[in-house]
């Protein structure tokens, strides 16, 4: 348990930041799932629209250090590859 005033404040901030990070990761997973659902349905136009939102979410997570930059790039690349393989 935190005993100093500054460590108590840091503990509170950590809790808030953890919640924000969880929310953003969840949002990213949702947009990624929308892209995959559109790919499964064969709708290239909708998938491309959702891909831009997914790219944005992944970049924001990478920028803030929630996920690594290469992880975001890999996930974006794989989604784009799935869309490009649609006929």
PDB file of N, CA and C in Angstrom:
ATOM      1  N   UNK A   1       0.843  -1.183   0.000  1.00  0.00           N
ATOM      2  CA  UNK A   1       0.000   0.000   0.000  1.00  0.00           C
ATOM      3  C   UNK A   1       0.882   1.237   0.000  1.00  0.00           C
ATOM      4  N   UNK A   2       0.432   2.260  -0.695  1.00  0.00           N
ATOM      5  CA  UNK A   2       1.192   3.502  -0.786  1.00  0.00           C
ATOM      6  C   UNK A   2       1.176   4.225   0.558  1.00  0.00           C
ATOM      7  N   UNK A   3       2.347   4.711   0.950  1.00  0.00           N
ATOM      8  CA  UNK A   3       2.435   5.402   2.230  1.00  0.00           C
ATOM      9  C   UNK A   3       2.742   6.878   2.073  1.00  0.00           C
ATOM     10  N   UNK A   4       3.426   7.257   1.015  1.00  0.00           N
ATOM     11  CA  UNK A   4       3.719   8.669   0.777  1.00  0.00           C
ATOM     12  C   UNK A   4       2.612   9.302  -0.059  1.00  0.00           C
ATOM     13  N   UNK A   5       2.465  10.587   0.096  1.00  0.00           N
ATOM     14  CA  UNK A   5       1.422  11.293  -0.619  1.00  0.00           C
ATOM     15  C   UNK A   5       1.616  11.166  -2.134  1.00  0.00           C
ATOM     16  N   UNK A   6       2.872  11.275  -2.576  1.00  0.00           N
ATOM     17  CA  UNK A   6       3.144  11.184  -4.012  1.00  0.00           C
ATOM     18  C   UNK A   6       2.883   9.772  -4.553  1.00  0.00           C
ATOM     19  N   UNK A   7       3.157   8.763  -3.752  1.00  0.00           N
ATOM     20  CA  UNK A   7       2.912   7.398  -4.211  1.00  0.00           C
ATOM     21  C   UNK A   7       1.417   7.080  -4.218  1.00  0.00           C
ATOM     22  N   UNK A   8       0.663   7.706  -3.316  1.00  0.00           N
ATOM     23  CA  UNK A   8      -0.789   7.552  -3.336  1.00  0.00           C
ATOM     24  C   UNK A   8      -1.366   8.165  -4.611  1.00  0.00           C
ATOM     25  N   UNK A   9      -0.864   9.334  -4.963  1.00  0.00           N
ATOM     26  CA  UNK A   9      -1.317   9.996  -6.183  1.00  0.00           C
ATOM     27  C   UNK A   9      -0.963   9.153  -7.402  1.00  0.00           C
ATOM     28  N   UNK A  10       0.250   8.633  -7.434  1.00  0.00           N
ATOM     29  CA  UNK A  10       0.697   7.803  -8.559  1.00  0.00           C
ATOM     30  C   UNK A  10      -0.184   6.565  -8.687  1.00  0.00           C
ATOM     31  N   UNK A  11      -0.567   5.966  -7.562  1.00  0.00           N
ATOM     32  CA  UNK A  11      -1.420   4.779  -7.588  1.00  0.00           C
ATOM     33  C   UNK A  11      -2.787   5.111  -8.182  1.00  0.00           C
ATOM     34  N   UNK A  12      -3.338   6.267  -7.822  1.00  0.00           N
ATOM     35  CA  UNK A  12      -4.621   6.700  -8.384  1.00  0.00           C
ATOM     36  C   UNK A  12      -4.502   6.928  -9.887  1.00  0.00           C
ATOM     37  N   UNK A  13      -3.409   7.577 -10.299  1.00  0.00           N
ATOM     38  CA  UNK A  13      -3.211   7.849 -11.714  1.00  0.00           C
ATOM     39  C   UNK A  13      -3.055   6.554 -12.509  1.00  0.00           C
ATOM     40  N   UNK A  14      -2.364   5.582 -11.921  1.00  0.00           N
ATOM     41  CA  UNK A  14      -2.177   4.292 -12.585  1.00  0.00           C
ATOM     42  C   UNK A  14      -3.510   3.594 -12.830  1.00  0.00           C
ATOM     43  N   UNK A  15      -4.394   3.663 -11.852  1.00  0.00           N
ATOM     44  CA  UNK A  15      -5.707   3.038 -11.990  1.00  0.00           C
ATOM     45  C   UNK A  15      -6.481   3.697 -13.129  1.00  0.00           C
ATOM     46  N   UNK A  16      -6.470   5.026 -13.170  1.00  0.00           N
ATOM     47  CA  UNK A  16      -7.188   5.745 -14.228  1.00  0.00           C
ATOM     48  C   UNK A  16      -6.603   5.435 -15.599  1.00  0.00           C
ATOM     49  N   UNK A  17      -5.285   5.426 -15.687  1.00  0.00           N
ATOM     50  CA  UNK A  17      -4.624   5.193 -16.967  1.00  0.00           C
ATOM     51  C   UNK A  17      -4.865   3.769 -17.455  1.00  0.00           C
ATOM     52  N   UNK A  18      -4.898   2.817 -16.521  1.00  0.00           N
ATOM     53  CA  UNK A  18      -5.166   1.427 -16.883  1.00  0.00           C
ATOM     54  C   UNK A  18      -6.558   1.298 -17.502  1.00  0.00           C
ATOM     55  N   UNK A  19      -7.527   1.993 -16.929  1.00  0.00           N
ATOM     56  CA  UNK A  19      -8.887   1.955 -17.467  1.00  0.00           C
ATOM     57  C   UNK A  19      -8.951   2.561 -18.862  1.00  0.00           C
ATOM     58  N   UNK A  20      -8.250   3.662 -19.071  1.00  0.00           N
ATOM     59  CA  UNK A  20      -8.221   4.306 -20.388  1.00  0.00           C
ATOM     60  C   UNK A  20      -7.578   3.372 -21.407  1.00  0.00           C
ATOM     61  N   UNK A  21      -6.468   2.741 -21.019  1.00  0.00           N
ATOM     62  CA  UNK A  21      -5.780   1.829 -21.930  1.00  0.00           C
ATOM     63  C   UNK A  21      -6.661   0.634 -22.277  1.00  0.00           C
ATOM     64  N   UNK A  22      -7.353   0.076 -21.294  1.00  0.00           N
ATOM     65  CA  UNK A  22      -8.249  -1.055 -21.549  1.00  0.00           C
ATOM     66  C   UNK A  22      -9.360  -0.662 -22.506  1.00  0.00           C
ATOM     67  N   UNK A  23      -9.892   0.536 -22.315  1.00  0.00           N
ATOM     68  CA  UNK A  23     -10.962   1.024 -23.182  1.00  0.00           C
ATOM     69  C   UNK A  23     -10.464   1.161 -24.621  1.00  0.00           C
ATOM     70  N   UNK A  24      -9.260   1.707 -24.779  1.00  0.00           N
ATOM     71  CA  UNK A  24      -8.717   1.905 -26.115  1.00  0.00           C
ATOM     72  C   UNK A  24      -8.359   0.579 -26.788  1.00  0.00           C
ATOM     73  N   UNK A  25      -7.851  -0.380 -26.032  1.00  0.00           N
ATOM     74  CA  UNK A  25      -7.551  -1.696 -26.589  1.00  0.00           C
ATOM     75  C   UNK A  25      -8.842  -2.373 -27.032  1.00  0.00           C
ATOM     76  N   UNK A  26      -9.879  -2.248 -26.233  1.00  0.00           N
ATOM     77  CA  UNK A  26     -11.172  -2.835 -26.575  1.00  0.00           C
ATOM     78  C   UNK A  26     -11.725  -2.211 -27.858  1.00  0.00           C
ATOM     79  N   UNK A  27     -11.595  -0.907 -27.979  1.00  0.00           N
ATOM     80  CA  UNK A  27     -12.058  -0.210 -29.185  1.00  0.00           C
ATOM     81  C   UNK A  27     -11.285  -0.699 -30.406  1.00  0.00           C
ATOM     82  N   UNK A  28     -10.002  -0.889 -30.246  1.00  0.00           N
ATOM     83  CA  UNK A  28      -9.166  -1.375 -31.336  1.00  0.00           C
ATOM     84  C   UNK A  28      -9.581  -2.783 -31.762  1.00  0.00           C
ATOM     85  N   UNK A  29      -9.858  -3.639 -30.791  1.00  0.00           N
ATOM     86  CA  UNK A  29     -10.289  -4.997 -31.107  1.00  0.00           C
ATOM     87  C   UNK A  29     -11.621  -4.988 -31.852  1.00  0.00           C
ATOM     88  N   UNK A  30     -12.517  -4.083 -31.466  1.00  0.00           N
ATOM     89  CA  UNK A  30     -13.820  -3.983 -32.105  1.00  0.00           C
ATOM     90  C   UNK A  30     -13.681  -3.557 -33.561  1.00  0.00           C
ATOM     91  N   UNK A  31     -12.855  -2.551 -33.833  1.00  0.00           N
ATOM     92  CA  UNK A  31     -12.685  -2.099 -35.208  1.00  0.00           C
ATOM     93  C   UNK A  31     -11.992  -3.160 -36.049  1.00  0.00           C
ATOM     94  N   UNK A  32     -11.056  -3.888 -35.453  1.00  0.00           N
ATOM     95  CA  UNK A  32     -10.383  -4.976 -36.173  1.00  0.00           C
ATOM     96  C   UNK A  32     -11.388  -6.074 -36.513  1.00  0.00           C
ATOM     97  N   UNK A  33     -12.273  -6.366 -35.587  1.00  0.00           N
ATOM     98  CA  UNK A  33     -13.288  -7.390 -35.821  1.00  0.00           C
ATOM     99  C   UNK A  33     -14.241  -6.960 -36.935  1.00  0.00           C
ATOM    100  N   UNK A  34     -14.565  -5.677 -37.006  1.00  0.00           N
ATOM    101  CA  UNK A  34     -15.438  -5.183 -38.071  1.00  0.00           C
ATOM    102  C   UNK A  34     -14.796  -5.387 -39.440  1.00  0.00           C
ATOM    103  N   UNK A  35     -13.482  -5.168 -39.511  1.00  0.00           N
ATOM    104  CA  UNK A  35     -12.768  -5.387 -40.768  1.00  0.00           C
ATOM    105  C   UNK A  35     -12.831  -6.862 -41.139  1.00  0.00           C
ATOM    106  N   UNK A  36     -12.547  -7.732 -40.192  1.00  0.00           N
ATOM    107  CA  UNK A  36     -12.554  -9.175 -40.477  1.00  0.00           C
ATOM    108  C   UNK A  36     -13.942  -9.670 -40.860  1.00  0.00           C
ATOM    109  N   UNK A  37     -14.985  -9.127 -40.221  1.00  0.00           N
ATOM    110  CA  UNK A  37     -16.354  -9.513 -40.568  1.00  0.00           C
ATOM    111  C   UNK A  37     -16.694  -9.094 -41.994  1.00  0.00           C
ATOM    112  N   UNK A  38     -16.255  -7.894 -42.373  1.00  0.00           N
ATOM    113  CA  UNK A  38     -16.509  -7.417 -43.732  1.00  0.00           C
ATOM    114  C   UNK A  38     -15.745  -8.259 -44.754  1.00  0.00           C
ATOM    115  N   UNK A  39     -14.532  -8.668 -44.402  1.00  0.00           N
ATOM    116  CA  UNK A  39     -13.749  -9.529 -45.296  1.00  0.00           C
ATOM    117  C   UNK A  39     -14.438 -10.879 -45.448  1.00  0.00           C
ATOM    118  N   UNK A  40     -14.925 -11.423 -44.351  1.00  0.00           N
ATOM    119  CA  UNK A  40     -15.624 -12.707 -44.394  1.00  0.00           C
ATOM    120  C   UNK A  40     -16.874 -12.615 -45.263  1.00  0.00           C
ATOM    121  N   UNK A  41     -17.563 -11.472 -45.169  1.00  0.00           N
ATOM    122  CA  UNK A  41     -18.764 -11.265 -45.979  1.00  0.00           C
ATOM    123  C   UNK A  41     -18.426 -10.984 -47.436  1.00  0.00           C
ATOM    124  N   UNK A  42     -17.170 -10.664 -47.708  1.00  0.00           N
ATOM    125  CA  UNK A  42     -16.753 -10.388 -49.085  1.00  0.00           C
ATOM    126  C   UNK A  42     -16.998  -8.956 -49.517  1.00  0.00           C
ATOM    127  N   UNK A  43     -17.249  -8.067 -48.580  1.00  0.00           N
ATOM    128  CA  UNK A  43     -17.541  -6.662 -48.884  1.00  0.00           C
ATOM    129  C   UNK A  43     -16.251  -5.844 -48.797  1.00  0.00           C
ATOM    130  N   UNK A  44     -15.619  -5.656 -49.933  1.00  0.00           N
ATOM    131  CA  UNK A  44     -14.315  -4.992 -49.962  1.00  0.00           C
ATOM    132  C   UNK A  44     -14.403  -3.514 -49.602  1.00  0.00           C
ATOM    133  N   UNK A  45     -15.459  -2.850 -50.052  1.00  0.00           N
ATOM    134  CA  UNK A  45     -15.608  -1.406 -49.797  1.00  0.00           C
ATOM    135  C   UNK A  45     -15.775  -1.126 -48.302  1.00  0.00           C
ATOM    136  N   UNK A  46     -16.648  -1.860 -47.656  1.00  0.00           N
ATOM    137  CA  UNK A  46     -16.874  -1.678 -46.218  1.00  0.00           C
ATOM    138  C   UNK A  46     -15.626  -2.034 -45.423  1.00  0.00           C
ATOM    139  N   UNK A  47     -14.963  -3.100 -45.840  1.00  0.00           N
ATOM    140  CA  UNK A  47     -13.743  -3.523 -45.149  1.00  0.00           C
ATOM    141  C   UNK A  47     -12.676  -2.434 -45.235  1.00  0.00           C
ATOM    142  N   UNK A  48     -12.546  -1.804 -46.396  1.00  0.00           N
ATOM    143  CA  UNK A  48     -11.557  -0.735 -46.570  1.00  0.00           C
ATOM    144  C   UNK A  48     -11.880   0.461 -45.684  1.00  0.00           C
ATOM    145  N   UNK A  49     -13.163   0.764 -45.537  1.00  0.00           N
ATOM    146  CA  UNK A  49     -13.568   1.880 -44.670  1.00  0.00           C
ATOM    147  C   UNK A  49     -13.232   1.585 -43.210  1.00  0.00           C
ATOM    148  N   UNK A  50     -13.516   0.364 -42.789  1.00  0.00           N
ATOM    149  CA  UNK A  50     -13.225  -0.014 -41.398  1.00  0.00           C
ATOM    150  C   UNK A  50     -11.717  -0.133 -41.167  1.00  0.00           C
ATOM    151  N   UNK A  51     -10.975  -0.440 -42.228  1.00  0.00           N
ATOM    152  CA  UNK A  51      -9.525  -0.567 -42.086  1.00  0.00           C
ATOM    153  C   UNK A  51      -8.898   0.758 -41.677  1.00  0.00           C
ATOM    154  N   UNK A  52      -9.382   1.860 -42.230  1.00  0.00           N
ATOM    155  CA  UNK A  52      -8.798   3.157 -41.868  1.00  0.00           C
ATOM    156  C   UNK A  52      -9.022   3.467 -40.388  1.00  0.00           C
ATOM    157  N   UNK A  53     -10.191   3.102 -39.873  1.00  0.00           N
ATOM    158  CA  UNK A  53     -10.465   3.303 -38.446  1.00  0.00           C
ATOM    159  C   UNK A  53      -9.579   2.392 -37.597  1.00  0.00           C
ATOM    160  N   UNK A  54      -9.406   1.161 -38.051  1.00  0.00           N
ATOM    161  CA  UNK A  54      -8.562   0.214 -37.312  1.00  0.00           C
ATOM    162  C   UNK A  54      -7.109   0.678 -37.311  1.00  0.00           C
ATOM    163  N   UNK A  55      -6.631   1.183 -38.445  1.00  0.00           N
ATOM    164  CA  UNK A  55      -5.264   1.697 -38.526  1.00  0.00           C
ATOM    165  C   UNK A  55      -5.068   2.847 -37.554  1.00  0.00           C
ATOM    166  N   UNK A  56      -6.031   3.736 -37.502  1.00  0.00           N
ATOM    167  CA  UNK A  56      -5.954   4.886 -36.611  1.00  0.00           C
ATOM    168  C   UNK A  56      -5.877   4.440 -35.156  1.00  0.00           C
ATOM    169  N   UNK A  57      -6.740   3.499 -34.780  1.00  0.00           N
ATOM    170  CA  UNK A  57      -6.751   3.012 -33.401  1.00  0.00           C
ATOM    171  C   UNK A  57      -5.434   2.327 -33.046  1.00  0.00           C
ATOM    172  N   UNK A  58      -4.929   1.508 -33.961  1.00  0.00           N
ATOM    173  CA  UNK A  58      -3.677   0.799 -33.691  1.00  0.00           C
ATOM    174  C   UNK A  58      -2.502   1.765 -33.575  1.00  0.00           C
ATOM    175  N   UNK A  59      -2.474   2.778 -34.423  1.00  0.00           N
ATOM    176  CA  UNK A  59      -1.393   3.770 -34.352  1.00  0.00           C
ATOM    177  C   UNK A  59      -1.425   4.538 -33.045  1.00  0.00           C
ATOM    178  N   UNK A  60      -2.627   4.877 -32.577  1.00  0.00           N
ATOM    179  CA  UNK A  60      -2.748   5.592 -31.308  1.00  0.00           C
ATOM    180  C   UNK A  60      -2.250   4.731 -30.149  1.00  0.00           C
ATOM    181  N   UNK A  61      -2.573   3.445 -30.184  1.00  0.00           N
ATOM    182  CA  UNK A  61      -2.095   2.547 -29.133  1.00  0.00           C
ATOM    183  C   UNK A  61      -0.575   2.440 -29.169  1.00  0.00           C
ATOM    184  N   UNK A  62      -0.011   2.379 -30.361  1.00  0.00           N
ATOM    185  CA  UNK A  62       1.442   2.279 -30.492  1.00  0.00           C
ATOM    186  C   UNK A  62       2.121   3.573 -30.051  1.00  0.00           C
ATOM    187  N   UNK A  63       1.510   4.684 -30.386  1.00  0.00           N
ATOM    188  CA  UNK A  63       2.103   5.980 -30.048  1.00  0.00           C
ATOM    189  C   UNK A  63       2.179   6.181 -28.538  1.00  0.00           C
ATOM    190  N   UNK A  64       1.174   5.710 -27.836  1.00  0.00           N
ATOM    191  CA  UNK A  64       1.143   5.898 -26.384  1.00  0.00           C
ATOM    192  C   UNK A  64       1.848   4.769 -25.635  1.00  0.00           C
ATOM    193  N   UNK A  65       2.320   3.745 -26.371  1.00  0.00           N
ATOM    194  CA  UNK A  65       3.077   2.681 -25.745  1.00  0.00           C
ATOM    195  C   UNK A  65       2.244   1.553 -25.175  1.00  0.00           C
ATOM    196  N   UNK A  66       0.967   1.510 -25.508  1.00  0.00           N
ATOM    197  CA  UNK A  66       0.116   0.427 -25.019  1.00  0.00           C
ATOM    198  C   UNK A  66       0.491  -0.876 -25.731  1.00  0.00           C
ATOM    199  N   UNK A  67       0.729  -0.778 -27.038  1.00  0.00           N
ATOM    200  CA  UNK A  67       1.267  -1.904 -27.788  1.00  0.00           C
ATOM    201  C   UNK A  67       2.526  -1.422 -28.503  1.00  0.00           C
ATOM    202  N   UNK A  68       3.340  -2.352 -28.973  1.00  0.00           N
ATOM    203  CA  UNK A  68       4.568  -1.972 -29.657  1.00  0.00           C
ATOM    204  C   UNK A  68       4.263  -1.518 -31.084  1.00  0.00           C
ATOM    205  N   UNK A  69       5.124  -0.679 -31.625  1.00  0.00           N
ATOM    206  CA  UNK A  69       4.917  -0.149 -32.969  1.00  0.00           C
ATOM    207  C   UNK A  69       4.898  -1.252 -34.018  1.00  0.00           C
ATOM    208  N   UNK A  70       5.778  -2.221 -33.870  1.00  0.00           N
ATOM    209  CA  UNK A  70       5.828  -3.310 -34.849  1.00  0.00           C
ATOM    210  C   UNK A  70       4.589  -4.199 -34.762  1.00  0.00           C
ATOM    211  N   UNK A  71       4.026  -4.316 -33.580  1.00  0.00           N
ATOM    212  CA  UNK A  71       2.792  -5.086 -33.420  1.00  0.00           C
ATOM    213  C   UNK A  71       1.655  -4.399 -34.166  1.00  0.00           C
ATOM    214  N   UNK A  72       1.571  -3.093 -34.019  1.00  0.00           N
ATOM    215  CA  UNK A  72       0.535  -2.331 -34.718  1.00  0.00           C
ATOM    216  C   UNK A  72       0.728  -2.444 -36.227  1.00  0.00           C
ATOM    217  N   UNK A  73       1.963  -2.343 -36.681  1.00  0.00           N
ATOM    218  CA  UNK A  73       2.254  -2.438 -38.111  1.00  0.00           C
ATOM    219  C   UNK A  73       1.896  -3.822 -38.644  1.00  0.00           C
ATOM    220  N   UNK A  74       2.227  -4.857 -37.877  1.00  0.00           N
ATOM    221  CA  UNK A  74       1.931  -6.227 -38.307  1.00  0.00           C
ATOM    222  C   UNK A  74       0.427  -6.457 -38.413  1.00  0.00           C
ATOM    223  N   UNK A  75      -0.309  -6.003 -37.427  1.00  0.00           N
ATOM    224  CA  UNK A  75      -1.767  -6.190 -37.449  1.00  0.00           C
ATOM    225  C   UNK A  75      -2.394  -5.429 -38.611  1.00  0.00           C
ATOM    226  N   UNK A  76      -1.943  -4.203 -38.838  1.00  0.00           N
ATOM    227  CA  UNK A  76      -2.453  -3.400 -39.945  1.00  0.00           C
ATOM    228  C   UNK A  76      -2.140  -4.071 -41.276  1.00  0.00           C
ATOM    229  N   UNK A  77      -0.928  -4.567 -41.405  1.00  0.00           N
ATOM    230  CA  UNK A  77      -0.498  -5.215 -42.636  1.00  0.00           C
ATOM    231  C   UNK A  77      -1.332  -6.453 -42.926  1.00  0.00           C
ATOM    232  N   UNK A  78      -1.587  -7.238 -41.921  1.00  0.00           N
ATOM    233  CA  UNK A  78      -2.371  -8.464 -42.117  1.00  0.00           C
ATOM    234  C   UNK A  78      -3.806  -8.157 -42.502  1.00  0.00           C
ATOM    235  N   UNK A  79      -4.371  -7.109 -41.912  1.00  0.00           N
ATOM    236  CA  UNK A  79      -5.736  -6.722 -42.292  1.00  0.00           C
ATOM    237  C   UNK A  79      -5.775  -6.238 -43.740  1.00  0.00           C
ATOM    238  N   UNK A  80      -4.784  -5.434 -44.113  1.00  0.00           N
ATOM    239  CA  UNK A  80      -4.725  -4.921 -45.484  1.00  0.00           C
ATOM    240  C   UNK A  80      -4.546  -6.065 -46.473  1.00  0.00           C
ATOM    241  N   UNK A  81      -3.735  -7.038 -46.115  1.00  0.00           N
ATOM    242  CA  UNK A  81      -3.507  -8.196 -46.982  1.00  0.00           C
ATOM    243  C   UNK A  81      -4.800  -8.979 -47.199  1.00  0.00           C
ATOM    244  N   UNK A  82      -5.596  -9.135 -46.140  1.00  0.00           N
ATOM    245  CA  UNK A  82      -6.869  -9.836 -46.263  1.00  0.00           C
ATOM    246  C   UNK A  82      -7.810  -9.102 -47.214  1.00  0.00           C
ATOM    247  N   UNK A  83      -7.808  -7.767 -47.120  1.00  0.00           N
ATOM    248  CA  UNK A  83      -8.673  -6.979 -48.003  1.00  0.00           C
ATOM    249  C   UNK A  83      -8.185  -7.069 -49.440  1.00  0.00           C
ATOM    250  N   UNK A  84      -6.879  -6.997 -49.644  1.00  0.00           N
ATOM    251  CA  UNK A  84      -6.338  -7.054 -50.995  1.00  0.00           C
ATOM    252  C   UNK A  84      -6.547  -8.413 -51.651  1.00  0.00           C
ATOM    253  N   UNK A  85      -6.674  -9.461 -50.858  1.00  0.00           N
ATOM    254  CA  UNK A  85      -6.907 -10.798 -51.414  1.00  0.00           C
ATOM    255  C   UNK A  85      -8.365 -11.033 -51.804  1.00  0.00           C
ATOM    256  N   UNK A  86      -9.256 -10.097 -51.441  1.00  0.00           N
ATOM    257  CA  UNK A  86     -10.646 -10.215 -51.859  1.00  0.00           C
ATOM    258  C   UNK A  86     -10.763  -9.966 -53.358  1.00  0.00           C
ATOM    259  N   UNK A  87     -11.705 -10.646 -53.975  1.00  0.00           N
ATOM    260  CA  UNK A  87     -11.888 -10.462 -55.421  1.00  0.00           C
ATOM    261  C   UNK A  87     -13.143  -9.702 -55.714  1.00  0.00           C
TER     262      UNK A  87
END
